[in-house]
């Protein structure tokens, strides 16, 4: 996973402050602000899918990450494309 993917994933799960704090330890405040603004232009925040992911995991016996992927797809009415043989 690339650093940018980590930041996007953290924003999707509503942990903006954790990401901002981590970036601020390495970068100037102005740079952090630019990165955050750039990310927020490209990312649509959704509600935390914990409850739905729990239901998916029970029904499908899937791994936790897969349950979250499936729950997110359901919440956003998206299509999940994967090359993961286990999933």
C-alpha atoms as a PDB file:
ATOM      1  CA  UNK A   1       0.000   0.000   0.000  1.00  0.00           C
ATOM      2  CA  UNK A   2       1.342   3.421  -0.925  1.00  0.00           C
ATOM      3  CA  UNK A   3       1.325   6.297   1.558  1.00  0.00           C
ATOM      4  CA  UNK A   4      -1.389   8.076  -0.435  1.00  0.00           C
ATOM      5  CA  UNK A   5      -3.623   4.983  -0.241  1.00  0.00           C
ATOM      6  CA  UNK A   6      -3.134   4.910   3.534  1.00  0.00           C
ATOM      7  CA  UNK A   7      -4.229   8.539   3.817  1.00  0.00           C
ATOM      8  CA  UNK A   8      -7.291   7.984   1.617  1.00  0.00           C
ATOM      9  CA  UNK A   9      -8.283   4.899   3.624  1.00  0.00           C
ATOM     10  CA  UNK A  10      -7.886   6.804   6.869  1.00  0.00           C
ATOM     11  CA  UNK A  11     -10.064   9.635   5.577  1.00  0.00           C
ATOM     12  CA  UNK A  12     -12.715   7.174   4.434  1.00  0.00           C
ATOM     13  CA  UNK A  13     -12.933   5.779   7.934  1.00  0.00           C
ATOM     14  CA  UNK A  14     -13.231   9.279   9.443  1.00  0.00           C
ATOM     15  CA  UNK A  15      -9.827   9.393  11.090  1.00  0.00           C
ATOM     16  CA  UNK A  16      -8.826  12.733   9.592  1.00  0.00           C
ATOM     17  CA  UNK A  17      -7.252  13.986  12.807  1.00  0.00           C
ATOM     18  CA  UNK A  18      -5.024  10.955  13.143  1.00  0.00           C
ATOM     19  CA  UNK A  19      -3.760  11.434   9.596  1.00  0.00           C
ATOM     20  CA  UNK A  20      -3.281  15.184  10.039  1.00  0.00           C
ATOM     21  CA  UNK A  21      -1.346  14.578  13.252  1.00  0.00           C
ATOM     22  CA  UNK A  22       0.880  11.957  11.615  1.00  0.00           C
ATOM     23  CA  UNK A  23       1.589  14.162   8.610  1.00  0.00           C
ATOM     24  CA  UNK A  24       2.266  17.164  10.832  1.00  0.00           C
ATOM     25  CA  UNK A  25       5.090  15.305  12.543  1.00  0.00           C
ATOM     26  CA  UNK A  26       6.967  15.116   9.233  1.00  0.00           C
ATOM     27  CA  UNK A  27       5.690  18.033   7.164  1.00  0.00           C
ATOM     28  CA  UNK A  28       4.980  21.725   7.603  1.00  0.00           C
ATOM     29  CA  UNK A  29       1.453  22.813   8.481  1.00  0.00           C
ATOM     30  CA  UNK A  30       0.994  24.460   5.082  1.00  0.00           C
ATOM     31  CA  UNK A  31       2.003  21.265   3.277  1.00  0.00           C
ATOM     32  CA  UNK A  32      -0.334  19.160   5.435  1.00  0.00           C
ATOM     33  CA  UNK A  33      -3.197  21.533   4.698  1.00  0.00           C
ATOM     34  CA  UNK A  34      -2.546  21.288   0.944  1.00  0.00           C
ATOM     35  CA  UNK A  35      -2.433  17.476   1.082  1.00  0.00           C
ATOM     36  CA  UNK A  36      -5.666  17.301   3.081  1.00  0.00           C
ATOM     37  CA  UNK A  37      -7.472  19.702   0.728  1.00  0.00           C
ATOM     38  CA  UNK A  38      -6.228  17.708  -2.273  1.00  0.00           C
ATOM     39  CA  UNK A  39      -7.476  14.454  -0.782  1.00  0.00           C
ATOM     40  CA  UNK A  40     -10.871  15.883   0.128  1.00  0.00           C
ATOM     41  CA  UNK A  41     -11.389  17.001  -3.487  1.00  0.00           C
ATOM     42  CA  UNK A  42     -11.087  13.395  -4.667  1.00  0.00           C
ATOM     43  CA  UNK A  43     -12.640  11.473  -1.787  1.00  0.00           C
ATOM     44  CA  UNK A  44     -16.288  11.130  -0.899  1.00  0.00           C
ATOM     45  CA  UNK A  45     -16.663  10.329   2.779  1.00  0.00           C
ATOM     46  CA  UNK A  46     -19.257   7.714   3.631  1.00  0.00           C
ATOM     47  CA  UNK A  47     -20.683   6.594   6.948  1.00  0.00           C
ATOM     48  CA  UNK A  48     -18.633   4.005   8.799  1.00  0.00           C
ATOM     49  CA  UNK A  49     -19.809   0.605   7.495  1.00  0.00           C
ATOM     50  CA  UNK A  50     -19.080  -1.322  10.724  1.00  0.00           C
ATOM     51  CA  UNK A  51     -22.626  -2.597  11.276  1.00  0.00           C
ATOM     52  CA  UNK A  52     -23.107  -3.610   7.662  1.00  0.00           C
ATOM     53  CA  UNK A  53     -19.631  -5.191   7.495  1.00  0.00           C
ATOM     54  CA  UNK A  54     -20.544  -7.226  10.584  1.00  0.00           C
ATOM     55  CA  UNK A  55     -23.687  -8.516   8.866  1.00  0.00           C
ATOM     56  CA  UNK A  56     -21.733  -9.303   5.695  1.00  0.00           C
ATOM     57  CA  UNK A  57     -19.099 -11.227   7.661  1.00  0.00           C
ATOM     58  CA  UNK A  58     -21.777 -13.309   9.388  1.00  0.00           C
ATOM     59  CA  UNK A  59     -23.608 -14.096   6.142  1.00  0.00           C
ATOM     60  CA  UNK A  60     -20.544 -14.772   3.996  1.00  0.00           C
ATOM     61  CA  UNK A  61     -17.880 -15.936   6.493  1.00  0.00           C
ATOM     62  CA  UNK A  62     -15.562 -13.477   4.754  1.00  0.00           C
ATOM     63  CA  UNK A  63     -12.362 -11.980   6.044  1.00  0.00           C
ATOM     64  CA  UNK A  64     -12.714  -8.610   7.803  1.00  0.00           C
ATOM     65  CA  UNK A  65     -11.198  -6.594   4.954  1.00  0.00           C
ATOM     66  CA  UNK A  66     -13.459  -8.306   2.425  1.00  0.00           C
ATOM     67  CA  UNK A  67     -16.510  -7.648   4.603  1.00  0.00           C
ATOM     68  CA  UNK A  68     -15.623  -3.946   4.612  1.00  0.00           C
ATOM     69  CA  UNK A  69     -15.110  -3.909   0.845  1.00  0.00           C
ATOM     70  CA  UNK A  70     -18.501  -5.548   0.307  1.00  0.00           C
ATOM     71  CA  UNK A  71     -20.229  -3.276   2.834  1.00  0.00           C
ATOM     72  CA  UNK A  72     -18.738  -0.190   1.195  1.00  0.00           C
ATOM     73  CA  UNK A  73     -19.910  -1.377  -2.221  1.00  0.00           C
ATOM     74  CA  UNK A  74     -23.416  -1.853  -0.850  1.00  0.00           C
ATOM     75  CA  UNK A  75     -23.437   1.579   0.806  1.00  0.00           C
ATOM     76  CA  UNK A  76     -22.232   3.353  -2.332  1.00  0.00           C
ATOM     77  CA  UNK A  77     -24.181   1.255  -4.839  1.00  0.00           C
ATOM     78  CA  UNK A  78     -20.882   0.485  -6.566  1.00  0.00           C
ATOM     79  CA  UNK A  79     -19.410  -2.487  -8.368  1.00  0.00           C
ATOM     80  CA  UNK A  80     -16.653  -4.516  -6.738  1.00  0.00           C
ATOM     81  CA  UNK A  81     -13.996  -5.774  -9.119  1.00  0.00           C
ATOM     82  CA  UNK A  82     -11.333  -8.027  -7.668  1.00  0.00           C
ATOM     83  CA  UNK A  83      -8.666 -10.450  -8.733  1.00  0.00           C
ATOM     84  CA  UNK A  84      -8.534 -11.936  -5.239  1.00  0.00           C
ATOM     85  CA  UNK A  85      -9.222 -15.666  -5.594  1.00  0.00           C
ATOM     86  CA  UNK A  86     -10.156 -16.032  -1.905  1.00  0.00           C
ATOM     87  CA  UNK A  87     -12.711 -13.242  -2.028  1.00  0.00           C
END
